[in-house]
Structure formats: structure tokens, C-alpha cells
């Protein structure tokens, strides 16, 4: 398709849906404002082309937040860093709605993901040791969180330190992810387990799912 045909399609949609066009235009303006405002405040934040904010973006902390091209944010998104070395990266084309991120080391989200209201953290923040209230040196678990490309994460999901979601996978409502999971699977439960392959993909190779062959 030529660029002129693509432009014509976009203009046609503007004529058919003027309210949508206005909403997108305002989201683009908000995206530019946030990029300017947070840089002015000295926060380490970058975002690529067509950064759209339909809701609210709240940054906090000394770490780095890097967003790619064509990112869309809805609801209240809070990428918070808790250390100078902390880094949150979000790939091109990803949509996030009301996501809360707490990063002490590294959170990496791939391209073309859909992430609903959930919590993503790479640290426990507090030690699980019995002397956590009396010993300031009690160890605190911290491990990178990785979400590969084209992952869908549903409402009320928790991605905890060390969680790694393989590409094309989907994480069901209220699931808690605590380890590495294969690509092309549907995850559900607390702790999350593989319950089925993603339709249209090859079955996972790291063991049986919770559904037998008849149910598939």
C-alpha cells in the first residue's frame, strides 16, 4: 500500500470518527508534554515517536525509564524506580492500562504487548527473614522481570521477582507469576501454571498442560 493510500485511510477515519481523532490528538499532545515535563524535572525518561497518553503517567525515582515508538498509556501508569541503576524498558507498540511498576534492578517489556491493570515488581522491597525489623542488612530478594514480545497480561496479575513470560503468551486474571514460563502458552493460577497452548501456536515443549488432549 502506498503512503498516500494510508494517509487517505487515516483522513477517512477522521471524517467518520471526529471524536476519536480528537481523543488521539489530545493523547499525543499529552505525550509530548510528559516528555518535556519529566526531562525538565531531571528525571531519566525517554519515549519514542507517537507517544500517546490517554490517562496519567506518574514517574518517580532516580532510575531510567525507556519507552519505544507507538506506546499507548491508559489509566494511571506508574513506572517507579528505586535506585540509580534501575531500568524499565517498554518495547514498540505496547499498550498499558493502569500498570504499576516497581523496579530496583531491571524490568523489560517487549514489543506489541497488552498489559491491563496489574503489578510488576523486581524486588520484594522488604526482607523475608525473621529479623527483618531489627537487622538493616537482612537480604532482600531482587531479580529481573522479563515480558517478551506480544504478551497479553490480564487484570490483577502479579509479576514478581524473577518472572519471565515467553513471547505470545497470555496471563489470566489474578495470576501470580514467580518463575520462567515458556512461549505460546496460557497461564493461570497462584502460582501461575501453564493451562493451555495459545491457539494458532505450537504446543509448549517444557511439559504437559493442565488440559488433556480431548479438551484441546
N, C-alpha and C. Protein backbone atom coordinates (compact mmCIF):
# COMPACT_ATOMS: atom_id res chain seq x y z
N UNK A 1 0.84 -1.19 0.00
CA UNK A 1 0.00 0.00 0.00
C UNK A 1 0.88 1.25 0.00
N UNK A 2 0.55 2.22 -0.86
CA UNK A 2 1.34 3.44 -0.93
C UNK A 2 1.07 4.32 0.28
N UNK A 3 2.02 5.22 0.60
CA UNK A 3 1.79 6.13 1.73
C UNK A 3 0.60 7.03 1.52
N UNK A 4 0.28 7.35 0.25
CA UNK A 4 -0.87 8.20 0.00
C UNK A 4 -2.18 7.47 0.31
N UNK A 5 -2.22 6.17 -0.01
CA UNK A 5 -3.41 5.39 0.31
C UNK A 5 -3.59 5.30 1.82
N UNK A 6 -2.47 5.10 2.55
CA UNK A 6 -2.54 5.03 4.01
C UNK A 6 -3.02 6.35 4.58
N UNK A 7 -2.50 7.46 4.05
CA UNK A 7 -2.94 8.78 4.51
C UNK A 7 -4.42 8.99 4.22
N UNK A 8 -4.86 8.52 3.05
CA UNK A 8 -6.28 8.64 2.71
C UNK A 8 -7.16 7.87 3.67
N UNK A 9 -6.70 6.67 4.08
CA UNK A 9 -7.46 5.88 5.04
C UNK A 9 -7.55 6.60 6.39
N UNK A 10 -6.45 7.23 6.80
CA UNK A 10 -6.46 7.95 8.07
C UNK A 10 -7.39 9.15 8.01
N UNK A 11 -7.34 9.90 6.90
CA UNK A 11 -8.23 11.05 6.75
C UNK A 11 -9.69 10.62 6.72
N UNK A 12 -9.94 9.46 6.08
CA UNK A 12 -11.31 8.94 6.04
C UNK A 12 -11.83 8.64 7.43
N UNK A 13 -10.96 8.09 8.28
CA UNK A 13 -11.40 7.78 9.65
C UNK A 13 -11.65 9.05 10.44
N UNK A 14 -10.83 10.08 10.20
CA UNK A 14 -11.05 11.36 10.88
C UNK A 14 -12.43 11.91 10.56
N UNK A 15 -12.82 11.80 9.29
CA UNK A 15 -14.14 12.29 8.87
C UNK A 15 -15.25 11.47 9.50
N UNK A 16 -15.07 10.14 9.55
CA UNK A 16 -16.10 9.27 10.09
C UNK A 16 -16.18 9.34 11.61
N UNK A 17 -15.03 9.49 12.28
CA UNK A 17 -14.99 9.45 13.74
C UNK A 17 -14.23 10.67 14.29
N UNK A 18 -14.81 11.86 14.19
CA UNK A 18 -14.09 13.06 14.64
C UNK A 18 -13.76 13.04 16.12
N UNK A 19 -14.63 12.43 16.96
CA UNK A 19 -14.35 12.39 18.40
C UNK A 19 -13.12 11.53 18.70
N UNK A 20 -12.98 10.43 17.96
CA UNK A 20 -11.81 9.58 18.14
C UNK A 20 -10.54 10.32 17.73
N UNK A 21 -10.62 11.03 16.61
CA UNK A 21 -9.46 11.79 16.14
C UNK A 21 -9.05 12.84 17.17
N UNK A 22 -10.02 13.49 17.78
CA UNK A 22 -9.72 14.49 18.81
C UNK A 22 -9.07 13.83 20.02
N UNK A 23 -9.58 12.67 20.42
CA UNK A 23 -9.03 11.96 21.57
C UNK A 23 -7.57 11.57 21.33
N UNK A 24 -7.29 11.06 20.15
CA UNK A 24 -5.92 10.67 19.82
C UNK A 24 -5.00 11.90 19.77
N UNK A 25 -5.50 12.98 19.20
CA UNK A 25 -4.69 14.20 19.12
C UNK A 25 -4.33 14.71 20.51
N UNK A 26 -5.31 14.70 21.41
CA UNK A 26 -5.04 15.13 22.78
C UNK A 26 -4.05 14.20 23.47
N UNK A 27 -4.17 12.89 23.21
CA UNK A 27 -3.24 11.93 23.81
C UNK A 27 -1.82 12.17 23.31
N UNK A 28 -1.66 12.51 22.04
CA UNK A 28 -0.34 12.82 21.50
C UNK A 28 0.24 14.08 22.14
N UNK A 29 -0.62 15.09 22.34
CA UNK A 29 -0.17 16.32 23.00
C UNK A 29 0.26 16.05 24.43
N UNK A 30 -0.52 15.21 25.13
CA UNK A 30 -0.14 14.86 26.50
C UNK A 30 1.18 14.10 26.52
N UNK A 31 1.38 13.23 25.54
CA UNK A 31 2.64 12.50 25.46
C UNK A 31 3.82 13.45 25.30
N UNK A 32 3.68 14.45 24.45
CA UNK A 32 4.75 15.43 24.27
C UNK A 32 4.98 16.23 25.55
N UNK A 33 3.89 16.57 26.20
CA UNK A 33 4.02 17.34 27.44
C UNK A 33 4.76 16.53 28.50
N UNK A 34 4.41 15.27 28.66
CA UNK A 34 5.08 14.45 29.67
C UNK A 34 6.57 14.31 29.37
N UNK A 35 6.92 14.13 28.11
CA UNK A 35 8.34 14.02 27.76
C UNK A 35 9.08 15.30 28.13
N UNK A 36 8.48 16.44 27.82
CA UNK A 36 9.10 17.72 28.15
C UNK A 36 9.16 17.93 29.66
N UNK A 37 8.05 17.66 30.35
CA UNK A 37 7.94 17.95 31.78
C UNK A 37 8.92 17.12 32.62
N UNK A 38 8.99 15.82 32.33
CA UNK A 38 9.86 14.98 33.14
C UNK A 38 11.33 15.22 32.83
N UNK A 39 11.66 15.56 31.59
CA UNK A 39 13.04 15.95 31.29
C UNK A 39 13.39 17.25 32.01
N UNK A 40 12.46 18.19 32.03
CA UNK A 40 12.68 19.46 32.72
C UNK A 40 12.95 19.24 34.20
N UNK A 41 12.31 18.23 34.77
CA UNK A 41 12.50 17.92 36.18
C UNK A 41 13.75 17.09 36.44
N UNK A 42 14.43 16.72 35.40
CA UNK A 42 15.68 15.98 35.56
C UNK A 42 15.52 14.48 35.70
N UNK A 43 14.30 13.96 35.45
CA UNK A 43 14.10 12.52 35.50
C UNK A 43 14.61 11.86 34.22
N UNK A 44 15.08 10.66 34.34
CA UNK A 44 15.70 9.94 33.22
C UNK A 44 14.63 9.17 32.45
N UNK A 45 13.92 9.91 31.61
CA UNK A 45 12.78 9.36 30.89
C UNK A 45 12.89 9.71 29.42
N UNK A 46 12.72 8.68 28.56
CA UNK A 46 12.65 8.90 27.13
C UNK A 46 11.49 8.08 26.55
N UNK A 47 10.89 8.61 25.50
CA UNK A 47 9.82 7.91 24.79
C UNK A 47 9.97 8.24 23.31
N UNK A 48 9.62 7.28 22.47
CA UNK A 48 9.80 7.42 21.03
C UNK A 48 8.66 8.16 20.35
N UNK A 49 8.53 7.90 19.05
CA UNK A 49 7.52 8.57 18.23
C UNK A 49 6.10 8.12 18.63
N UNK A 50 5.15 9.03 18.41
CA UNK A 50 3.73 8.74 18.61
C UNK A 50 3.44 8.24 20.02
N UNK A 51 4.05 8.85 21.01
CA UNK A 51 3.80 8.51 22.41
C UNK A 51 2.46 9.10 22.81
N UNK A 52 1.51 8.22 23.17
CA UNK A 52 0.14 8.65 23.46
C UNK A 52 -0.24 8.34 24.90
N UNK A 53 -0.71 9.35 25.59
CA UNK A 53 -1.13 9.19 26.98
C UNK A 53 -2.60 9.57 27.08
N UNK A 54 -3.46 8.57 27.20
CA UNK A 54 -4.89 8.81 27.34
C UNK A 54 -5.29 8.99 28.80
N UNK A 55 -4.41 8.55 29.70
CA UNK A 55 -4.68 8.66 31.13
C UNK A 55 -3.67 9.55 31.82
N UNK A 56 -2.92 8.96 32.77
CA UNK A 56 -1.94 9.71 33.56
C UNK A 56 -0.66 8.91 33.67
N UNK A 57 0.46 9.59 33.54
CA UNK A 57 1.78 8.98 33.71
C UNK A 57 2.45 9.60 34.93
N UNK A 58 2.80 8.77 35.91
CA UNK A 58 3.43 9.26 37.14
C UNK A 58 4.79 8.58 37.28
N UNK A 59 5.84 9.34 37.06
CA UNK A 59 7.21 8.83 37.21
C UNK A 59 7.76 9.20 38.57
N UNK A 60 8.62 8.32 39.11
CA UNK A 60 9.27 8.61 40.38
C UNK A 60 10.56 7.80 40.46
N UNK A 61 11.60 8.40 41.04
CA UNK A 61 12.83 7.66 41.30
C UNK A 61 13.99 8.08 40.44
N UNK A 62 15.20 7.64 40.83
CA UNK A 62 16.43 8.05 40.16
C UNK A 62 16.83 7.19 38.98
N UNK A 63 16.11 6.09 38.72
CA UNK A 63 16.48 5.18 37.65
C UNK A 63 16.05 5.69 36.29
N UNK A 64 16.13 4.79 35.30
CA UNK A 64 15.87 5.15 33.91
C UNK A 64 14.63 4.44 33.41
N UNK A 65 13.77 5.18 32.69
CA UNK A 65 12.57 4.63 32.06
C UNK A 65 12.65 4.92 30.57
N UNK A 66 12.62 3.86 29.76
CA UNK A 66 12.78 3.99 28.31
C UNK A 66 11.57 3.36 27.64
N UNK A 67 10.85 4.15 26.85
CA UNK A 67 9.68 3.66 26.11
C UNK A 67 9.95 3.82 24.62
N UNK A 68 9.53 2.83 23.84
CA UNK A 68 9.76 2.84 22.41
C UNK A 68 8.74 3.66 21.64
N UNK A 69 8.61 3.38 20.35
CA UNK A 69 7.67 4.08 19.48
C UNK A 69 6.25 3.52 19.65
N UNK A 70 5.27 4.39 19.40
CA UNK A 70 3.86 3.98 19.34
C UNK A 70 3.36 3.34 20.64
N UNK A 71 3.83 3.86 21.76
CA UNK A 71 3.35 3.40 23.07
C UNK A 71 2.05 4.11 23.40
N UNK A 72 1.07 3.39 23.95
CA UNK A 72 -0.19 3.98 24.40
C UNK A 72 -0.39 3.67 25.87
N UNK A 73 -0.68 4.69 26.66
CA UNK A 73 -0.92 4.53 28.09
C UNK A 73 -2.34 4.96 28.42
N UNK A 74 -3.06 4.09 29.14
CA UNK A 74 -4.39 4.40 29.64
C UNK A 74 -4.38 4.27 31.16
N UNK A 75 -5.39 4.85 31.80
CA UNK A 75 -5.45 4.77 33.25
C UNK A 75 -4.28 5.49 33.88
N UNK A 76 -3.90 5.05 35.08
CA UNK A 76 -2.78 5.66 35.82
C UNK A 76 -1.59 4.69 35.80
N UNK A 77 -0.59 5.01 35.02
CA UNK A 77 0.58 4.16 34.87
C UNK A 77 1.72 4.75 35.70
N UNK A 78 2.34 3.90 36.55
CA UNK A 78 3.36 4.40 37.48
C UNK A 78 4.65 3.58 37.36
N UNK A 79 5.55 3.95 36.45
CA UNK A 79 6.86 3.29 36.39
C UNK A 79 7.80 3.93 37.41
N UNK A 80 7.94 3.31 38.58
CA UNK A 80 8.75 3.86 39.65
C UNK A 80 10.05 3.07 39.77
N UNK A 81 11.15 3.79 39.90
CA UNK A 81 12.45 3.16 40.07
C UNK A 81 12.95 3.43 41.48
N UNK A 82 13.72 2.47 42.00
CA UNK A 82 14.19 2.54 43.39
C UNK A 82 15.69 2.33 43.44
N UNK A 83 16.40 3.13 42.70
CA UNK A 83 17.85 3.03 42.65
C UNK A 83 18.37 3.61 41.35
N UNK A 84 19.57 4.18 41.41
CA UNK A 84 20.15 4.81 40.22
C UNK A 84 20.34 3.81 39.09
N UNK A 85 20.63 2.57 39.40
CA UNK A 85 20.90 1.56 38.37
C UNK A 85 19.63 0.89 37.83
N UNK A 86 18.49 1.19 38.41
CA UNK A 86 17.24 0.56 37.97
C UNK A 86 16.88 1.03 36.57
N UNK A 87 16.36 0.09 35.77
CA UNK A 87 15.97 0.44 34.40
C UNK A 87 14.68 -0.28 34.02
N UNK A 88 13.71 0.48 33.53
CA UNK A 88 12.46 -0.05 32.99
C UNK A 88 12.46 0.23 31.49
N UNK A 89 12.29 -0.81 30.66
CA UNK A 89 12.23 -0.64 29.21
C UNK A 89 10.92 -1.23 28.70
N UNK A 90 10.28 -0.51 27.78
CA UNK A 90 9.00 -0.92 27.21
C UNK A 90 9.11 -0.83 25.70
N UNK A 91 8.81 -1.94 25.01
CA UNK A 91 9.01 -2.03 23.57
C UNK A 91 7.96 -1.34 22.73
N UNK A 92 8.27 -1.18 21.45
CA UNK A 92 7.39 -0.51 20.49
C UNK A 92 6.00 -1.14 20.46
N UNK A 93 5.00 -0.28 20.34
CA UNK A 93 3.64 -0.74 20.10
C UNK A 93 2.92 -1.32 21.29
N UNK A 94 3.50 -1.24 22.47
CA UNK A 94 2.87 -1.82 23.66
C UNK A 94 1.81 -0.87 24.22
N UNK A 95 0.71 -1.46 24.71
CA UNK A 95 -0.36 -0.70 25.36
C UNK A 95 -0.41 -1.10 26.84
N UNK A 96 -0.51 -0.10 27.72
CA UNK A 96 -0.55 -0.35 29.16
C UNK A 96 -1.71 0.43 29.76
N UNK A 97 -2.46 -0.24 30.63
CA UNK A 97 -3.63 0.39 31.25
C UNK A 97 -3.56 0.22 32.77
N UNK A 98 -3.23 1.29 33.46
CA UNK A 98 -3.23 1.25 34.92
C UNK A 98 -2.17 0.35 35.52
N UNK A 99 -1.04 0.20 34.87
CA UNK A 99 0.01 -0.71 35.34
C UNK A 99 0.89 0.00 36.37
N UNK A 100 1.19 -0.73 37.47
CA UNK A 100 2.09 -0.21 38.50
C UNK A 100 3.39 -1.01 38.46
N UNK A 101 4.50 -0.30 38.27
CA UNK A 101 5.80 -0.95 38.17
C UNK A 101 6.72 -0.43 39.27
N UNK A 102 7.38 -1.36 39.97
CA UNK A 102 8.37 -1.01 40.96
C UNK A 102 9.67 -1.70 40.62
N UNK A 103 10.72 -0.94 40.34
CA UNK A 103 11.95 -1.51 39.79
C UNK A 103 13.15 -1.10 40.61
N UNK A 104 13.89 -2.10 41.11
CA UNK A 104 15.16 -1.85 41.78
C UNK A 104 16.34 -2.26 40.91
N UNK A 105 16.09 -3.10 39.91
CA UNK A 105 17.17 -3.59 39.05
C UNK A 105 16.79 -3.49 37.59
N UNK A 106 15.86 -4.35 37.11
CA UNK A 106 15.51 -4.34 35.69
C UNK A 106 14.13 -4.94 35.46
N UNK A 107 13.31 -4.20 34.73
CA UNK A 107 12.03 -4.69 34.21
C UNK A 107 12.05 -4.43 32.72
N UNK A 108 11.85 -5.49 31.92
CA UNK A 108 11.89 -5.37 30.47
C UNK A 108 10.59 -5.91 29.88
N UNK A 109 9.90 -5.07 29.12
CA UNK A 109 8.64 -5.45 28.47
C UNK A 109 8.84 -5.32 26.97
N UNK A 110 8.47 -6.36 26.23
CA UNK A 110 8.73 -6.41 24.80
C UNK A 110 7.79 -5.60 23.95
N UNK A 111 7.84 -5.89 22.66
CA UNK A 111 7.02 -5.18 21.67
C UNK A 111 5.60 -5.72 21.63
N UNK A 112 4.64 -4.84 21.28
CA UNK A 112 3.27 -5.23 20.96
C UNK A 112 2.56 -5.97 22.08
N UNK A 113 2.89 -5.65 23.31
CA UNK A 113 2.21 -6.28 24.45
C UNK A 113 0.94 -5.51 24.81
N UNK A 114 0.01 -6.20 25.45
CA UNK A 114 -1.19 -5.59 26.02
C UNK A 114 -1.17 -5.91 27.51
N UNK A 115 -1.09 -4.87 28.33
CA UNK A 115 -0.95 -5.09 29.77
C UNK A 115 -2.02 -4.30 30.50
N UNK A 116 -2.94 -5.04 31.13
CA UNK A 116 -4.03 -4.42 31.88
C UNK A 116 -3.54 -4.06 33.29
N UNK A 117 -4.46 -3.61 34.14
CA UNK A 117 -4.12 -3.18 35.50
C UNK A 117 -3.50 -4.35 36.26
N UNK A 118 -2.21 -4.22 36.56
CA UNK A 118 -1.51 -5.28 37.27
C UNK A 118 -0.33 -4.67 38.00
N UNK A 119 0.39 -5.51 38.76
CA UNK A 119 1.58 -5.08 39.48
C UNK A 119 2.78 -5.83 38.94
N UNK A 120 3.84 -5.09 38.63
CA UNK A 120 5.08 -5.70 38.16
C UNK A 120 6.20 -5.17 39.04
N UNK A 121 6.89 -6.07 39.73
CA UNK A 121 7.97 -5.64 40.61
C UNK A 121 9.12 -6.64 40.56
N UNK A 122 10.34 -6.13 40.54
CA UNK A 122 11.51 -7.00 40.52
C UNK A 122 12.15 -7.12 41.90
N UNK A 123 11.48 -6.65 42.94
CA UNK A 123 12.02 -6.73 44.28
C UNK A 123 10.90 -6.96 45.29
N UNK A 124 11.25 -7.60 46.42
CA UNK A 124 10.28 -7.79 47.49
C UNK A 124 10.17 -6.56 48.38
N UNK A 125 11.07 -5.60 48.21
CA UNK A 125 11.13 -4.35 48.99
C UNK A 125 11.52 -4.59 50.45
N UNK A 126 11.01 -5.64 51.07
CA UNK A 126 11.34 -5.97 52.45
C UNK A 126 11.88 -7.40 52.51
N UNK A 127 12.80 -7.65 53.43
CA UNK A 127 13.36 -8.99 53.60
C UNK A 127 12.30 -9.94 54.15
N UNK A 128 12.38 -11.19 53.72
CA UNK A 128 11.50 -12.23 54.28
C UNK A 128 12.12 -12.89 55.51
N UNK A 129 13.34 -12.53 55.89
CA UNK A 129 13.99 -13.12 57.06
C UNK A 129 13.29 -12.69 58.35
N UNK A 130 13.41 -13.52 59.36
CA UNK A 130 12.72 -13.27 60.62
C UNK A 130 13.21 -11.99 61.30
N UNK A 131 14.44 -11.60 61.04
CA UNK A 131 15.00 -10.42 61.70
C UNK A 131 14.87 -9.16 60.84
N UNK A 132 13.89 -9.13 59.95
CA UNK A 132 13.77 -8.02 59.01
C UNK A 132 13.51 -6.67 59.69
N UNK A 133 12.91 -6.68 60.91
CA UNK A 133 12.65 -5.43 61.60
C UNK A 133 13.82 -4.95 62.44
N UNK A 134 14.77 -5.83 62.72
CA UNK A 134 15.87 -5.47 63.63
C UNK A 134 17.22 -5.42 62.94
N UNK A 135 17.35 -6.04 61.77
CA UNK A 135 18.64 -6.09 61.08
C UNK A 135 18.53 -5.38 59.74
N UNK A 136 19.11 -4.17 59.63
CA UNK A 136 19.00 -3.43 58.36
C UNK A 136 19.74 -4.10 57.21
N UNK A 137 20.59 -5.08 57.50
CA UNK A 137 21.32 -5.78 56.43
C UNK A 137 20.64 -7.08 56.01
N UNK A 138 19.45 -7.36 56.55
CA UNK A 138 18.74 -8.57 56.16
C UNK A 138 18.52 -8.57 54.64
N UNK A 139 18.82 -9.67 53.95
CA UNK A 139 18.78 -9.68 52.48
C UNK A 139 17.37 -9.50 51.93
N UNK A 140 17.29 -8.78 50.82
CA UNK A 140 16.03 -8.55 50.13
C UNK A 140 16.15 -9.15 48.73
N UNK A 141 15.19 -10.00 48.38
CA UNK A 141 15.25 -10.66 47.07
C UNK A 141 14.98 -9.65 45.95
N UNK A 142 15.86 -9.65 44.95
CA UNK A 142 15.69 -8.82 43.77
C UNK A 142 16.13 -9.63 42.56
N UNK A 143 15.30 -9.66 41.51
CA UNK A 143 15.64 -10.40 40.29
C UNK A 143 14.88 -9.77 39.12
N UNK A 144 15.51 -9.66 37.95
CA UNK A 144 14.86 -9.01 36.81
C UNK A 144 13.54 -9.68 36.42
N UNK A 145 12.63 -8.86 35.92
CA UNK A 145 11.36 -9.34 35.37
C UNK A 145 11.39 -9.09 33.86
N UNK A 146 11.06 -10.12 33.09
CA UNK A 146 11.11 -10.02 31.63
C UNK A 146 9.76 -10.45 31.05
N UNK A 147 9.21 -9.62 30.19
CA UNK A 147 8.00 -9.94 29.42
C UNK A 147 8.40 -9.86 27.96
N UNK A 148 8.33 -10.97 27.24
CA UNK A 148 8.75 -10.98 25.85
C UNK A 148 7.66 -10.39 24.94
N UNK A 149 7.90 -10.39 23.63
CA UNK A 149 7.02 -9.74 22.67
C UNK A 149 5.62 -10.37 22.61
N UNK A 150 4.64 -9.52 22.33
CA UNK A 150 3.26 -9.96 22.03
C UNK A 150 2.65 -10.77 23.18
N UNK A 151 2.86 -10.30 24.39
CA UNK A 151 2.27 -10.94 25.57
C UNK A 151 1.04 -10.15 26.02
N UNK A 152 0.00 -10.87 26.41
CA UNK A 152 -1.19 -10.23 26.99
C UNK A 152 -1.25 -10.58 28.47
N UNK A 153 -1.31 -9.54 29.30
CA UNK A 153 -1.40 -9.72 30.75
C UNK A 153 -2.72 -9.12 31.21
N UNK A 154 -3.54 -9.93 31.86
CA UNK A 154 -4.89 -9.53 32.24
C UNK A 154 -4.90 -8.76 33.55
N UNK A 155 -6.12 -8.50 34.04
CA UNK A 155 -6.32 -7.73 35.27
C UNK A 155 -5.78 -8.44 36.51
N UNK A 156 -5.32 -7.65 37.48
CA UNK A 156 -4.94 -8.11 38.82
C UNK A 156 -3.84 -9.16 38.82
N UNK A 157 -3.03 -9.18 37.78
CA UNK A 157 -1.91 -10.11 37.73
C UNK A 157 -0.74 -9.54 38.54
N UNK A 158 0.04 -10.43 39.13
CA UNK A 158 1.27 -10.04 39.80
C UNK A 158 2.46 -10.71 39.14
N UNK A 159 3.40 -9.91 38.66
CA UNK A 159 4.68 -10.43 38.16
C UNK A 159 5.73 -10.11 39.21
N UNK A 160 6.24 -11.14 39.86
CA UNK A 160 7.15 -10.98 40.98
C UNK A 160 8.60 -11.18 40.55
N UNK A 161 9.58 -10.90 41.44
CA UNK A 161 10.98 -11.02 41.07
C UNK A 161 11.31 -12.36 40.41
N UNK A 162 11.97 -12.28 39.27
CA UNK A 162 12.36 -13.49 38.54
C UNK A 162 11.36 -13.98 37.53
N UNK A 163 10.18 -13.36 37.45
CA UNK A 163 9.18 -13.80 36.47
C UNK A 163 9.67 -13.50 35.05
N UNK A 164 9.43 -14.47 34.17
CA UNK A 164 9.84 -14.34 32.76
C UNK A 164 8.73 -14.95 31.92
N UNK A 165 8.02 -14.13 31.15
CA UNK A 165 6.88 -14.59 30.36
C UNK A 165 7.32 -14.70 28.91
N UNK A 166 7.20 -15.91 28.34
CA UNK A 166 7.61 -16.14 26.96
C UNK A 166 6.72 -15.45 25.95
N UNK A 167 7.24 -15.23 24.77
CA UNK A 167 6.52 -14.46 23.74
C UNK A 167 5.21 -15.14 23.35
N UNK A 168 4.25 -14.31 22.97
CA UNK A 168 2.91 -14.71 22.52
C UNK A 168 2.03 -15.26 23.63
N UNK A 169 2.52 -15.35 24.84
CA UNK A 169 1.75 -15.96 25.92
C UNK A 169 0.70 -15.00 26.47
N UNK A 170 -0.26 -15.56 27.21
CA UNK A 170 -1.32 -14.78 27.85
C UNK A 170 -1.41 -15.20 29.31
N UNK A 171 -1.57 -14.20 30.18
CA UNK A 171 -1.62 -14.45 31.61
C UNK A 171 -3.03 -14.11 32.11
N UNK A 172 -3.74 -15.10 32.67
CA UNK A 172 -5.13 -14.94 33.05
C UNK A 172 -5.32 -14.13 34.32
N UNK A 173 -6.56 -13.73 34.53
CA UNK A 173 -6.97 -12.85 35.62
C UNK A 173 -6.47 -13.33 36.98
N UNK A 174 -5.83 -12.42 37.72
CA UNK A 174 -5.41 -12.70 39.09
C UNK A 174 -4.24 -13.65 39.25
N UNK A 175 -3.58 -14.00 38.17
CA UNK A 175 -2.46 -14.94 38.27
C UNK A 175 -1.24 -14.28 38.92
N UNK A 176 -0.43 -15.11 39.56
CA UNK A 176 0.81 -14.64 40.19
C UNK A 176 1.97 -15.42 39.56
N UNK A 177 2.86 -14.71 38.88
CA UNK A 177 3.95 -15.35 38.14
C UNK A 177 5.25 -15.20 38.92
N UNK A 178 5.94 -16.32 39.13
CA UNK A 178 7.09 -16.34 40.03
C UNK A 178 8.33 -17.00 39.43
N UNK A 179 8.25 -17.46 38.16
CA UNK A 179 9.39 -18.16 37.56
C UNK A 179 9.40 -17.92 36.06
N UNK A 180 10.21 -18.66 35.34
CA UNK A 180 10.25 -18.54 33.88
C UNK A 180 9.20 -19.45 33.27
N UNK A 181 8.45 -18.92 32.28
CA UNK A 181 7.40 -19.66 31.61
C UNK A 181 7.69 -19.71 30.11
N UNK A 182 7.24 -20.77 29.43
CA UNK A 182 7.56 -20.90 28.01
C UNK A 182 6.76 -19.93 27.15
N UNK A 183 7.11 -19.87 25.89
CA UNK A 183 6.35 -19.06 24.94
C UNK A 183 5.11 -19.82 24.49
N UNK A 184 4.14 -19.07 23.92
CA UNK A 184 2.96 -19.64 23.27
C UNK A 184 2.04 -20.41 24.23
N UNK A 185 1.94 -19.94 25.49
CA UNK A 185 1.08 -20.65 26.44
C UNK A 185 0.13 -19.67 27.13
N UNK A 186 -0.94 -20.24 27.67
CA UNK A 186 -1.86 -19.51 28.53
C UNK A 186 -1.56 -19.90 29.97
N UNK A 187 -1.38 -18.90 30.83
CA UNK A 187 -1.03 -19.11 32.23
C UNK A 187 -2.19 -18.71 33.11
N UNK A 188 -2.36 -19.46 34.20
CA UNK A 188 -3.44 -19.13 35.13
C UNK A 188 -3.12 -19.71 36.50
N UNK A 189 -3.50 -18.97 37.55
CA UNK A 189 -3.42 -19.50 38.90
C UNK A 189 -2.40 -18.79 39.77
N UNK A 190 -2.36 -19.22 41.04
CA UNK A 190 -1.43 -18.68 42.03
C UNK A 190 -0.82 -19.83 42.82
N UNK A 191 0.45 -20.18 42.50
CA UNK A 191 1.29 -19.61 41.46
C UNK A 191 0.83 -20.01 40.06
N UNK A 192 1.15 -19.18 39.07
CA UNK A 192 0.68 -19.43 37.71
C UNK A 192 1.25 -20.72 37.15
N UNK A 193 0.40 -21.43 36.42
CA UNK A 193 0.80 -22.67 35.74
C UNK A 193 0.32 -22.61 34.30
N UNK A 194 0.95 -23.38 33.44
CA UNK A 194 0.51 -23.50 32.05
C UNK A 194 -0.78 -24.30 32.01
N UNK A 195 -1.83 -23.71 31.42
CA UNK A 195 -3.11 -24.42 31.34
C UNK A 195 -3.49 -24.81 29.92
N UNK A 196 -2.88 -24.18 28.92
CA UNK A 196 -3.22 -24.49 27.53
C UNK A 196 -2.23 -23.79 26.62
N UNK A 197 -2.09 -24.28 25.38
CA UNK A 197 -1.32 -23.52 24.40
C UNK A 197 -2.15 -22.35 23.86
N UNK A 198 -1.49 -21.33 23.41
CA UNK A 198 -2.17 -20.23 22.74
C UNK A 198 -2.67 -20.72 21.39
N UNK A 199 -3.95 -20.55 21.06
CA UNK A 199 -4.47 -21.02 19.77
C UNK A 199 -3.66 -20.45 18.61
N UNK A 200 -3.36 -21.33 17.66
CA UNK A 200 -2.60 -20.92 16.49
C UNK A 200 -1.11 -21.00 16.66
N UNK A 201 -0.64 -21.54 17.80
CA UNK A 201 0.80 -21.67 18.03
C UNK A 201 1.14 -23.13 18.29
N UNK A 202 2.42 -23.43 18.30
CA UNK A 202 2.87 -24.77 18.63
C UNK A 202 2.71 -25.02 20.12
N UNK A 203 2.33 -26.23 20.56
CA UNK A 203 2.23 -26.53 21.99
C UNK A 203 3.57 -26.33 22.69
N UNK A 204 3.56 -25.96 23.97
CA UNK A 204 4.81 -25.78 24.70
C UNK A 204 5.58 -27.09 24.78
N UNK A 205 6.89 -26.96 24.92
CA UNK A 205 7.74 -28.15 24.91
C UNK A 205 8.32 -28.48 26.27
N UNK A 206 7.91 -27.75 27.33
CA UNK A 206 8.54 -27.99 28.63
C UNK A 206 7.64 -28.78 29.57
N UNK A 207 6.76 -29.60 29.02
CA UNK A 207 5.93 -30.44 29.87
C UNK A 207 4.47 -30.32 29.52
N UNK A 208 3.59 -31.20 30.08
CA UNK A 208 2.17 -31.20 29.76
C UNK A 208 1.46 -29.99 30.33
N UNK A 209 0.35 -29.63 29.70
CA UNK A 209 -0.51 -28.59 30.23
C UNK A 209 -1.52 -29.22 31.17
N UNK A 210 -2.37 -28.36 31.75
CA UNK A 210 -3.39 -28.87 32.66
C UNK A 210 -4.62 -29.38 31.93
N UNK A 211 -4.66 -29.17 30.61
CA UNK A 211 -5.77 -29.67 29.83
C UNK A 211 -5.33 -30.92 29.08
N UNK A 212 -6.18 -31.95 29.10
CA UNK A 212 -5.79 -33.14 28.34
C UNK A 212 -6.07 -32.93 26.87
N UNK A 213 -5.72 -33.89 26.06
CA UNK A 213 -5.80 -33.72 24.61
C UNK A 213 -7.21 -33.55 24.14
N UNK A 214 -8.21 -34.16 24.80
CA UNK A 214 -9.60 -34.01 24.38
C UNK A 214 -10.07 -32.58 24.56
N UNK A 215 -9.70 -31.97 25.68
CA UNK A 215 -10.14 -30.61 25.94
C UNK A 215 -9.51 -29.61 25.00
N UNK A 216 -8.37 -29.90 24.46
CA UNK A 216 -7.76 -29.03 23.49
C UNK A 216 -8.52 -29.08 22.18
